[in-house]
Amino acid sequence: AKVNVTSMPRSPVYEFLTVQNPNTETRKTPEWNFWKYLIDKQGKVAKVFPSSTEPDAKELTSAIEKLLASKP
């Protein structure tokens, strides 16, 4: 189903990822489809990747592996 990402009423998950995210480095509003947010084991946004980042990009896969290997 379609959800609002940038306009109101914004989907609660995107509200959490953007507006309510206290980290200004990862508080990014999607600019296009396939924007990627990595969430750490504490439920915080760890890293953000734009649409131009391919799903198999080394930068993305390395960040995922690092998060998976981290201690809670």
PDB file of N, CA and C in Angstrom:
ATOM      1  N   ALA A   1       0.836  -1.184   0.000  1.00  0.00           N
ATOM      2  CA  ALA A   1       0.000   0.000   0.000  1.00  0.00           C
ATOM      3  C   ALA A   1       0.877   1.242   0.000  1.00  0.00           C
ATOM      4  N   LYS A   2       0.383   2.283  -0.584  1.00  0.00           N
ATOM      5  CA  LYS A   2       1.115   3.547  -0.610  1.00  0.00           C
ATOM      6  C   LYS A   2       1.039   4.227   0.751  1.00  0.00           C
ATOM      7  N   VAL A   3       2.138   4.868   1.122  1.00  0.00           N
ATOM      8  CA  VAL A   3       2.171   5.672   2.347  1.00  0.00           C
ATOM      9  C   VAL A   3       2.800   7.018   2.028  1.00  0.00           C
ATOM     10  N   ASN A   4       2.474   8.014   2.833  1.00  0.00           N
ATOM     11  CA  ASN A   4       3.099   9.325   2.675  1.00  0.00           C
ATOM     12  C   ASN A   4       4.469   9.300   3.332  1.00  0.00           C
ATOM     13  N   VAL A   5       5.455   9.714   2.580  1.00  0.00           N
ATOM     14  CA  VAL A   5       6.829   9.719   3.065  1.00  0.00           C
ATOM     15  C   VAL A   5       7.273  11.136   3.404  1.00  0.00           C
ATOM     16  N   THR A   6       6.947  12.080   2.553  1.00  0.00           N
ATOM     17  CA  THR A   6       7.396  13.454   2.770  1.00  0.00           C
ATOM     18  C   THR A   6       6.264  14.422   3.076  1.00  0.00           C
ATOM     19  N   SER A   7       5.029  14.053   2.749  1.00  0.00           N
ATOM     20  CA  SER A   7       3.903  14.954   3.003  1.00  0.00           C
ATOM     21  C   SER A   7       3.072  14.436   4.175  1.00  0.00           C
ATOM     22  N   MET A   8       2.224  15.288   4.685  1.00  0.00           N
ATOM     23  CA  MET A   8       1.395  14.941   5.838  1.00  0.00           C
ATOM     24  C   MET A   8       0.084  14.315   5.387  1.00  0.00           C
ATOM     25  N   PRO A   9      -0.502  13.400   6.112  1.00  0.00           N
ATOM     26  CA  PRO A   9       0.078  12.808   7.312  1.00  0.00           C
ATOM     27  C   PRO A   9       1.152  11.787   6.924  1.00  0.00           C
ATOM     28  N   ARG A  10       2.344  11.982   7.461  1.00  0.00           N
ATOM     29  CA  ARG A  10       3.491  11.126   7.143  1.00  0.00           C
ATOM     30  C   ARG A  10       3.331   9.776   7.837  1.00  0.00           C
ATOM     31  N   SER A  11       3.756   8.722   7.166  1.00  0.00           N
ATOM     32  CA  SER A  11       3.754   7.384   7.745  1.00  0.00           C
ATOM     33  C   SER A  11       4.563   7.400   9.049  1.00  0.00           C
ATOM     34  N   PRO A  12       4.087   6.731  10.103  1.00  0.00           N
ATOM     35  CA  PRO A  12       4.815   6.725  11.375  1.00  0.00           C
ATOM     36  C   PRO A  12       6.265   6.262  11.254  1.00  0.00           C
ATOM     37  N   VAL A  13       6.537   5.299  10.407  1.00  0.00           N
ATOM     38  CA  VAL A  13       7.922   4.837  10.277  1.00  0.00           C
ATOM     39  C   VAL A  13       8.809   5.934   9.688  1.00  0.00           C
ATOM     40  N   TYR A  14       8.308   6.678   8.723  1.00  0.00           N
ATOM     41  CA  TYR A  14       9.107   7.765   8.158  1.00  0.00           C
ATOM     42  C   TYR A  14       9.183   8.950   9.102  1.00  0.00           C
ATOM     43  N   GLU A  15       8.185   9.123   9.930  1.00  0.00           N
ATOM     44  CA  GLU A  15       8.238  10.146  10.980  1.00  0.00           C
ATOM     45  C   GLU A  15       9.399   9.817  11.920  1.00  0.00           C
ATOM     46  N   PHE A  16       9.512   8.547  12.304  1.00  0.00           N
ATOM     47  CA  PHE A  16      10.601   8.099  13.166  1.00  0.00           C
ATOM     48  C   PHE A  16      11.959   8.261  12.486  1.00  0.00           C
ATOM     49  N   LEU A  17      12.061   7.871  11.234  1.00  0.00           N
ATOM     50  CA  LEU A  17      13.340   7.907  10.523  1.00  0.00           C
ATOM     51  C   LEU A  17      13.824   9.324  10.230  1.00  0.00           C
ATOM     52  N   THR A  18      12.925  10.264  10.152  1.00  0.00           N
ATOM     53  CA  THR A  18      13.306  11.629   9.767  1.00  0.00           C
ATOM     54  C   THR A  18      13.102  12.622  10.902  1.00  0.00           C
ATOM     55  N   VAL A  19      11.899  13.025  11.131  1.00  0.00           N
ATOM     56  CA  VAL A  19      11.604  14.103  12.079  1.00  0.00           C
ATOM     57  C   VAL A  19      12.024  13.770  13.509  1.00  0.00           C
ATOM     58  N   GLN A  20      11.733  12.568  13.980  1.00  0.00           N
ATOM     59  CA  GLN A  20      12.023  12.209  15.369  1.00  0.00           C
ATOM     60  C   GLN A  20      13.441  11.684  15.577  1.00  0.00           C
ATOM     61  N   ASN A  21      14.208  11.556  14.531  1.00  0.00           N
ATOM     62  CA  ASN A  21      15.578  11.062  14.625  1.00  0.00           C
ATOM     63  C   ASN A  21      16.465  12.170  15.193  1.00  0.00           C
ATOM     64  N   PRO A  22      17.071  11.980  16.383  1.00  0.00           N
ATOM     65  CA  PRO A  22      17.888  13.030  16.985  1.00  0.00           C
ATOM     66  C   PRO A  22      19.250  13.228  16.314  1.00  0.00           C
ATOM     67  N   ASN A  23      19.694  12.266  15.530  1.00  0.00           N
ATOM     68  CA  ASN A  23      21.006  12.348  14.886  1.00  0.00           C
ATOM     69  C   ASN A  23      20.897  13.129  13.577  1.00  0.00           C
ATOM     70  N   THR A  24      21.471  14.323  13.545  1.00  0.00           N
ATOM     71  CA  THR A  24      21.356  15.167  12.350  1.00  0.00           C
ATOM     72  C   THR A  24      22.083  14.583  11.147  1.00  0.00           C
ATOM     73  N   GLU A  25      23.064  13.714  11.375  1.00  0.00           N
ATOM     74  CA  GLU A  25      23.782  13.103  10.250  1.00  0.00           C
ATOM     75  C   GLU A  25      22.932  12.072   9.519  1.00  0.00           C
ATOM     76  N   THR A  26      22.014  11.433  10.226  1.00  0.00           N
ATOM     77  CA  THR A  26      21.179  10.404   9.599  1.00  0.00           C
ATOM     78  C   THR A  26      19.722  10.836   9.463  1.00  0.00           C
ATOM     79  N   ARG A  27      19.400  12.050   9.857  1.00  0.00           N
ATOM     80  CA  ARG A  27      18.023  12.559   9.745  1.00  0.00           C
ATOM     81  C   ARG A  27      17.809  13.084   8.331  1.00  0.00           C
ATOM     82  N   LYS A  28      17.604  12.175   7.407  1.00  0.00           N
ATOM     83  CA  LYS A  28      17.478  12.525   5.994  1.00  0.00           C
ATOM     84  C   LYS A  28      16.104  12.121   5.474  1.00  0.00           C
ATOM     85  N   THR A  29      15.464  13.031   4.772  1.00  0.00           N
ATOM     86  CA  THR A  29      14.183  12.739   4.142  1.00  0.00           C
ATOM     87  C   THR A  29      14.451  12.137   2.773  1.00  0.00           C
ATOM     88  N   PRO A  30      13.781  11.039   2.433  1.00  0.00           N
ATOM     89  CA  PRO A  30      14.000  10.423   1.125  1.00  0.00           C
ATOM     90  C   PRO A  30      13.783  11.420  -0.009  1.00  0.00           C
ATOM     91  N   GLU A  31      14.685  11.377  -0.961  1.00  0.00           N
ATOM     92  CA  GLU A  31      14.571  12.245  -2.128  1.00  0.00           C
ATOM     93  C   GLU A  31      13.953  11.515  -3.319  1.00  0.00           C
ATOM     94  N   TRP A  32      13.936  10.192  -3.241  1.00  0.00           N
ATOM     95  CA  TRP A  32      13.403   9.388  -4.335  1.00  0.00           C
ATOM     96  C   TRP A  32      13.160   7.978  -3.817  1.00  0.00           C
ATOM     97  N   ASN A  33      12.664   7.094  -4.665  1.00  0.00           N
ATOM     98  CA  ASN A  33      12.425   5.701  -4.291  1.00  0.00           C
ATOM     99  C   ASN A  33      13.720   4.999  -3.884  1.00  0.00           C
ATOM    100  N   PHE A  34      13.578   3.955  -3.129  1.00  0.00           N
ATOM    101  CA  PHE A  34      14.678   3.059  -2.753  1.00  0.00           C
ATOM    102  C   PHE A  34      15.734   3.726  -1.873  1.00  0.00           C
ATOM    103  N   TRP A  35      15.318   4.707  -1.089  1.00  0.00           N
ATOM    104  CA  TRP A  35      16.185   5.306  -0.072  1.00  0.00           C
ATOM    105  C   TRP A  35      16.401   4.239   0.992  1.00  0.00           C
ATOM    106  N   LYS A  36      17.605   4.109   1.532  1.00  0.00           N
ATOM    107  CA  LYS A  36      17.902   3.018   2.452  1.00  0.00           C
ATOM    108  C   LYS A  36      18.310   3.548   3.825  1.00  0.00           C
ATOM    109  N   TYR A  37      17.690   3.015   4.863  1.00  0.00           N
ATOM    110  CA  TYR A  37      18.025   3.347   6.245  1.00  0.00           C
ATOM    111  C   TYR A  37      18.508   2.075   6.919  1.00  0.00           C
ATOM    112  N   LEU A  38      19.650   2.138   7.590  1.00  0.00           N
ATOM    113  CA  LEU A  38      20.121   1.001   8.376  1.00  0.00           C
ATOM    114  C   LEU A  38      19.822   1.298   9.838  1.00  0.00           C
ATOM    115  N   ILE A  39      19.183   0.368  10.498  1.00  0.00           N
ATOM    116  CA  ILE A  39      18.791   0.515  11.892  1.00  0.00           C
ATOM    117  C   ILE A  39      19.668  -0.407  12.733  1.00  0.00           C
ATOM    118  N   ASP A  40      20.274   0.144  13.797  1.00  0.00           N
ATOM    119  CA  ASP A  40      21.158  -0.675  14.627  1.00  0.00           C
ATOM    120  C   ASP A  40      20.354  -1.518  15.617  1.00  0.00           C
ATOM    121  N   LYS A  41      21.054  -2.294  16.426  1.00  0.00           N
ATOM    122  CA  LYS A  41      20.401  -3.215  17.352  1.00  0.00           C
ATOM    123  C   LYS A  41      19.691  -2.502  18.499  1.00  0.00           C
ATOM    124  N   GLN A  42      19.964  -1.222  18.670  1.00  0.00           N
ATOM    125  CA  GLN A  42      19.276  -0.421  19.678  1.00  0.00           C
ATOM    126  C   GLN A  42      18.060   0.294  19.087  1.00  0.00           C
ATOM    127  N   GLY A  43      17.795   0.068  17.797  1.00  0.00           N
ATOM    128  CA  GLY A  43      16.646   0.677  17.145  1.00  0.00           C
ATOM    129  C   GLY A  43      16.879   2.089  16.661  1.00  0.00           C
ATOM    130  N   LYS A  44      18.138   2.497  16.566  1.00  0.00           N
ATOM    131  CA  LYS A  44      18.471   3.843  16.101  1.00  0.00           C
ATOM    132  C   LYS A  44      18.947   3.794  14.657  1.00  0.00           C
ATOM    133  N   VAL A  45      18.732   4.892  13.945  1.00  0.00           N
ATOM    134  CA  VAL A  45      19.205   4.977  12.566  1.00  0.00           C
ATOM    135  C   VAL A  45      20.727   5.077  12.606  1.00  0.00           C
ATOM    136  N   ALA A  46      21.396   4.093  12.024  1.00  0.00           N
ATOM    137  CA  ALA A  46      22.854   4.047  12.042  1.00  0.00           C
ATOM    138  C   ALA A  46      23.466   4.713  10.816  1.00  0.00           C
ATOM    139  N   LYS A  47      22.811   4.558   9.680  1.00  0.00           N
ATOM    140  CA  LYS A  47      23.364   5.081   8.434  1.00  0.00           C
ATOM    141  C   LYS A  47      22.236   5.214   7.424  1.00  0.00           C
ATOM    142  N   VAL A  48      22.421   6.145   6.500  1.00  0.00           N
ATOM    143  CA  VAL A  48      21.430   6.407   5.459  1.00  0.00           C
ATOM    144  C   VAL A  48      22.129   6.367   4.110  1.00  0.00           C
ATOM    145  N   PHE A  49      21.472   5.743   3.135  1.00  0.00           N
ATOM    146  CA  PHE A  49      22.016   5.661   1.783  1.00  0.00           C
ATOM    147  C   PHE A  49      20.977   6.166   0.792  1.00  0.00           C
ATOM    148  N   PRO A  50      21.390   6.973  -0.167  1.00  0.00           N
ATOM    149  CA  PRO A  50      20.444   7.501  -1.159  1.00  0.00           C
ATOM    150  C   PRO A  50      20.051   6.443  -2.186  1.00  0.00           C
ATOM    151  N   SER A  51      19.087   6.793  -2.993  1.00  0.00           N
ATOM    152  CA  SER A  51      18.586   5.897  -4.041  1.00  0.00           C
ATOM    153  C   SER A  51      19.678   5.439  -4.991  1.00  0.00           C
ATOM    154  N   SER A  52      20.671   6.282  -5.195  1.00  0.00           N
ATOM    155  CA  SER A  52      21.739   5.956  -6.145  1.00  0.00           C
ATOM    156  C   SER A  52      22.639   4.822  -5.655  1.00  0.00           C
ATOM    157  N   THR A  53      22.558   4.464  -4.378  1.00  0.00           N
ATOM    158  CA  THR A  53      23.357   3.362  -3.843  1.00  0.00           C
ATOM    159  C   THR A  53      22.717   2.044  -4.252  1.00  0.00           C
ATOM    160  N   GLU A  54      23.452   1.252  -4.993  1.00  0.00           N
ATOM    161  CA  GLU A  54      22.954  -0.054  -5.436  1.00  0.00           C
ATOM    162  C   GLU A  54      22.851  -0.998  -4.234  1.00  0.00           C
ATOM    163  N   PRO A  55      21.897  -1.920  -4.235  1.00  0.00           N
ATOM    164  CA  PRO A  55      21.732  -2.845  -3.113  1.00  0.00           C
ATOM    165  C   PRO A  55      22.977  -3.680  -2.810  1.00  0.00           C
ATOM    166  N   ASP A  56      23.801  -3.927  -3.817  1.00  0.00           N
ATOM    167  CA  ASP A  56      25.008  -4.723  -3.597  1.00  0.00           C
ATOM    168  C   ASP A  56      26.272  -3.867  -3.524  1.00  0.00           C
ATOM    169  N   ALA A  57      26.127  -2.566  -3.336  1.00  0.00           N
ATOM    170  CA  ALA A  57      27.286  -1.674  -3.232  1.00  0.00           C
ATOM    171  C   ALA A  57      28.110  -2.048  -2.006  1.00  0.00           C
ATOM    172  N   LYS A  58      29.420  -2.042  -2.159  1.00  0.00           N
ATOM    173  CA  LYS A  58      30.320  -2.427  -1.073  1.00  0.00           C
ATOM    174  C   LYS A  58      30.094  -1.567   0.170  1.00  0.00           C
ATOM    175  N   GLU A  59      29.879  -0.282  -0.022  1.00  0.00           N
ATOM    176  CA  GLU A  59      29.652   0.625   1.108  1.00  0.00           C
ATOM    177  C   GLU A  59      28.427   0.185   1.925  1.00  0.00           C
ATOM    178  N   LEU A  60      27.378  -0.222   1.242  1.00  0.00           N
ATOM    179  CA  LEU A  60      26.148  -0.654   1.911  1.00  0.00           C
ATOM    180  C   LEU A  60      26.327  -2.025   2.556  1.00  0.00           C
ATOM    181  N   THR A  61      26.842  -2.982   1.806  1.00  0.00           N
ATOM    182  CA  THR A  61      26.987  -4.336   2.358  1.00  0.00           C
ATOM    183  C   THR A  61      27.976  -4.355   3.528  1.00  0.00           C
ATOM    184  N   SER A  62      29.020  -3.546   3.456  1.00  0.00           N
ATOM    185  CA  SER A  62      29.977  -3.463   4.569  1.00  0.00           C
ATOM    186  C   SER A  62      29.319  -2.888   5.817  1.00  0.00           C
ATOM    187  N   ALA A  63      28.492  -1.870   5.635  1.00  0.00           N
ATOM    188  CA  ALA A  63      27.790  -1.264   6.771  1.00  0.00           C
ATOM    189  C   ALA A  63      26.821  -2.261   7.400  1.00  0.00           C
ATOM    190  N   ILE A  64      26.142  -3.044   6.576  1.00  0.00           N
ATOM    191  CA  ILE A  64      25.222  -4.071   7.088  1.00  0.00           C
ATOM    192  C   ILE A  64      25.999  -5.124   7.870  1.00  0.00           C
ATOM    193  N   GLU A  65      27.101  -5.601   7.313  1.00  0.00           N
ATOM    194  CA  GLU A  65      27.910  -6.619   7.987  1.00  0.00           C
ATOM    195  C   GLU A  65      28.448  -6.099   9.316  1.00  0.00           C
ATOM    196  N   LYS A  66      28.862  -4.846   9.344  1.00  0.00           N
ATOM    197  CA  LYS A  66      29.379  -4.245  10.578  1.00  0.00           C
ATOM    198  C   LYS A  66      28.283  -4.197  11.645  1.00  0.00           C
ATOM    199  N   LEU A  67      27.073  -3.800  11.256  1.00  0.00           N
ATOM    200  CA  LEU A  67      25.966  -3.758  12.218  1.00  0.00           C
ATOM    201  C   LEU A  67      25.604  -5.152  12.718  1.00  0.00           C
ATOM    202  N   LEU A  68      25.595  -6.126  11.823  1.00  0.00           N
ATOM    203  CA  LEU A  68      25.260  -7.494  12.226  1.00  0.00           C
ATOM    204  C   LEU A  68      26.296  -8.073  13.187  1.00  0.00           C
ATOM    205  N   ALA A  69      27.547  -7.687  13.026  1.00  0.00           N
ATOM    206  CA  ALA A  69      28.619  -8.205  13.867  1.00  0.00           C
ATOM    207  C   ALA A  69      28.731  -7.474  15.206  1.00  0.00           C
ATOM    208  N   SER A  70      28.083  -6.330  15.333  1.00  0.00           N
ATOM    209  CA  SER A  70      28.205  -5.528  16.553  1.00  0.00           C
ATOM    210  C   SER A  70      27.458  -6.171  17.718  1.00  0.00           C
ATOM    211  N   LYS A  71      27.925  -5.850  18.910  1.00  0.00           N
ATOM    212  CA  LYS A  71      27.278  -6.333  20.130  1.00  0.00           C
ATOM    213  C   LYS A  71      26.065  -5.455  20.420  1.00  0.00           C
ATOM    214  N   PRO A  72      25.018  -6.047  20.987  1.00  0.00           N
ATOM    215  CA  PRO A  72      23.818  -5.248  21.326  1.00  0.00           C
ATOM    216  C   PRO A  72      24.080  -4.208  22.397  1.00  0.00           C
TER     217      PRO A  72
END
